[in-house]
Amino acid sequence: MTGLCDNCNYITDIKYKEEQLSRGIKHTYFVCEHCNKRYTCFVTDPKVRQLQKKIRRLTGHRNRSVRIRMMELVNERMTELKQEITNEQG
């Protein structure tokens, strides 16, 4: 998989890297091969991973609105976590 770096406009291979942060938070990111800019892809905590597991079990479930609401909760929490780690990193 490749992506276009917003910083240097270089097409870079996306090689996901993962780091374990405090409180069970996992940060998944990639780094531009050309300028070394770091891009956050996903930030999850135990609560998010548990919700993701439930969503996978509900695949094909009749109540689609339940899955959609759970996915909204996951996205909201991941956004909060991303903001937290961005603030911590400076």
C-alpha atoms as a PDB file:
ATOM      1  CA  MET A   1       0.000   0.000   0.000  1.00  0.00           C
ATOM      2  CA  THR A   2       1.243   3.490  -0.783  1.00  0.00           C
ATOM      3  CA  GLY A   3       0.209   6.989   0.199  1.00  0.00           C
ATOM      4  CA  LEU A   4       1.004  10.568  -0.716  1.00  0.00           C
ATOM      5  CA  CYS A   5       2.838  12.504   1.995  1.00  0.00           C
ATOM      6  CA  ASP A   6       1.161  15.842   2.733  1.00  0.00           C
ATOM      7  CA  ASN A   7       4.488  17.241   3.877  1.00  0.00           C
ATOM      8  CA  CYS A   8       6.820  16.504   0.931  1.00  0.00           C
ATOM      9  CA  ASN A   9       4.396  15.229  -1.778  1.00  0.00           C
ATOM     10  CA  TYR A  10       6.411  12.009  -2.043  1.00  0.00           C
ATOM     11  CA  ILE A  11       4.620   8.724  -2.711  1.00  0.00           C
ATOM     12  CA  THR A  12       5.664   6.500   0.152  1.00  0.00           C
ATOM     13  CA  ASP A  13       5.138   2.866   1.043  1.00  0.00           C
ATOM     14  CA  ILE A  14       2.898   2.547   4.073  1.00  0.00           C
ATOM     15  CA  LYS A  15       4.447   0.178   6.570  1.00  0.00           C
ATOM     16  CA  TYR A  16       2.351   0.155   9.716  1.00  0.00           C
ATOM     17  CA  LYS A  17       4.206   0.374  12.996  1.00  0.00           C
ATOM     18  CA  GLU A  18       2.692  -0.075  16.409  1.00  0.00           C
ATOM     19  CA  GLU A  19       3.756   1.204  19.786  1.00  0.00           C
ATOM     20  CA  GLN A  20       2.328   0.354  23.172  1.00  0.00           C
ATOM     21  CA  LEU A  21       1.601   3.432  25.276  1.00  0.00           C
ATOM     22  CA  SER A  22       0.402   3.738  28.868  1.00  0.00           C
ATOM     23  CA  ARG A  23      -3.023   2.546  30.051  1.00  0.00           C
ATOM     24  CA  GLY A  24      -3.189  -0.172  27.369  1.00  0.00           C
ATOM     25  CA  ILE A  25      -3.267   2.342  24.520  1.00  0.00           C
ATOM     26  CA  LYS A  26      -1.911   1.123  21.162  1.00  0.00           C
ATOM     27  CA  HIS A  27      -0.752   3.669  18.585  1.00  0.00           C
ATOM     28  CA  THR A  28      -0.572   2.519  14.961  1.00  0.00           C
ATOM     29  CA  TYR A  29       1.230   4.808  12.542  1.00  0.00           C
ATOM     30  CA  PHE A  30       3.504   4.985   9.502  1.00  0.00           C
ATOM     31  CA  VAL A  31       6.447   7.195   8.605  1.00  0.00           C
ATOM     32  CA  CYS A  32       7.127   8.834   5.223  1.00  0.00           C
ATOM     33  CA  GLU A  33      10.230   7.210   3.729  1.00  0.00           C
ATOM     34  CA  HIS A  34      11.356  10.511   2.250  1.00  0.00           C
ATOM     35  CA  CYS A  35      10.888  13.196   4.949  1.00  0.00           C
ATOM     36  CA  ASN A  36      10.211  10.992   8.016  1.00  0.00           C
ATOM     37  CA  LYS A  37       6.910  12.689   8.865  1.00  0.00           C
ATOM     38  CA  ARG A  38       4.897  10.455  11.170  1.00  0.00           C
ATOM     39  CA  TYR A  39       1.203   9.822  10.421  1.00  0.00           C
ATOM     40  CA  THR A  40      -1.151   8.405  13.053  1.00  0.00           C
ATOM     41  CA  CYS A  41      -3.511   5.791  11.619  1.00  0.00           C
ATOM     42  CA  PHE A  42      -5.251   4.313  14.669  1.00  0.00           C
ATOM     43  CA  VAL A  43      -5.218   4.781  18.405  1.00  0.00           C
ATOM     44  CA  THR A  44      -7.043   2.173  20.461  1.00  0.00           C
ATOM     45  CA  ASP A  45      -7.511   1.321  24.102  1.00  0.00           C
ATOM     46  CA  PRO A  46      -9.032  -1.775  25.724  1.00  0.00           C
ATOM     47  CA  LYS A  47     -12.539  -0.264  25.521  1.00  0.00           C
ATOM     48  CA  VAL A  48     -12.219   0.398  21.771  1.00  0.00           C
ATOM     49  CA  ARG A  49     -10.810  -3.063  21.076  1.00  0.00           C
ATOM     50  CA  GLN A  50     -13.679  -4.647  23.041  1.00  0.00           C
ATOM     51  CA  LEU A  51     -16.257  -2.672  21.024  1.00  0.00           C
ATOM     52  CA  GLN A  52     -14.519  -3.671  17.788  1.00  0.00           C
ATOM     53  CA  LYS A  53     -14.765  -7.313  18.848  1.00  0.00           C
ATOM     54  CA  LYS A  54     -18.504  -6.926  19.504  1.00  0.00           C
ATOM     55  CA  ILE A  55     -19.002  -5.255  16.119  1.00  0.00           C
ATOM     56  CA  ARG A  56     -17.288  -8.178  14.355  1.00  0.00           C
ATOM     57  CA  ARG A  57     -19.607 -10.602  16.170  1.00  0.00           C
ATOM     58  CA  LEU A  58     -22.644  -8.588  15.060  1.00  0.00           C
ATOM     59  CA  THR A  59     -21.762  -8.790  11.358  1.00  0.00           C
ATOM     60  CA  GLY A  60     -24.933  -9.836   9.604  1.00  0.00           C
ATOM     61  CA  HIS A  61     -26.982  -8.960  12.675  1.00  0.00           C
ATOM     62  CA  ARG A  62     -30.507  -7.862  11.849  1.00  0.00           C
ATOM     63  CA  ASN A  63     -30.320  -4.660  13.853  1.00  0.00           C
ATOM     64  CA  ARG A  64     -27.949  -2.661  11.668  1.00  0.00           C
ATOM     65  CA  SER A  65     -28.506   0.481  13.749  1.00  0.00           C
ATOM     66  CA  VAL A  66     -26.852  -1.208  16.755  1.00  0.00           C
ATOM     67  CA  ARG A  67     -23.683  -1.859  14.736  1.00  0.00           C
ATOM     68  CA  ILE A  68     -23.696   1.669  13.344  1.00  0.00           C
ATOM     69  CA  ARG A  69     -24.016   3.196  16.821  1.00  0.00           C
ATOM     70  CA  MET A  70     -21.197   1.000  18.121  1.00  0.00           C
ATOM     71  CA  MET A  71     -18.981   2.070  15.202  1.00  0.00           C
ATOM     72  CA  GLU A  72     -19.782   5.703  15.995  1.00  0.00           C
ATOM     73  CA  LEU A  73     -18.694   5.116  19.605  1.00  0.00           C
ATOM     74  CA  VAL A  74     -15.453   3.524  18.390  1.00  0.00           C
ATOM     75  CA  ASN A  75     -14.723   6.454  16.072  1.00  0.00           C
ATOM     76  CA  GLU A  76     -15.491   9.010  18.795  1.00  0.00           C
ATOM     77  CA  ARG A  77     -13.209   7.281  21.297  1.00  0.00           C
ATOM     78  CA  MET A  78     -10.400   6.855  18.754  1.00  0.00           C
ATOM     79  CA  THR A  79     -10.597  10.587  17.962  1.00  0.00           C
ATOM     80  CA  GLU A  80     -10.331  11.399  21.680  1.00  0.00           C
ATOM     81  CA  LEU A  81      -7.333   9.091  22.077  1.00  0.00           C
ATOM     82  CA  LYS A  82      -5.621  10.552  19.015  1.00  0.00           C
ATOM     83  CA  GLN A  83      -6.022  14.054  20.432  1.00  0.00           C
ATOM     84  CA  GLU A  84      -4.633  12.884  23.786  1.00  0.00           C
ATOM     85  CA  ILE A  85      -1.462  11.405  22.301  1.00  0.00           C
ATOM     86  CA  THR A  86      -1.001  14.378  19.972  1.00  0.00           C
ATOM     87  CA  ASN A  87      -1.123  16.719  22.980  1.00  0.00           C
ATOM     88  CA  GLU A  88       1.306  14.498  24.917  1.00  0.00           C
ATOM     89  CA  GLN A  89       3.792  14.387  22.017  1.00  0.00           C
ATOM     90  CA  GLY A  90       3.928  18.142  21.799  1.00  0.00           C
END
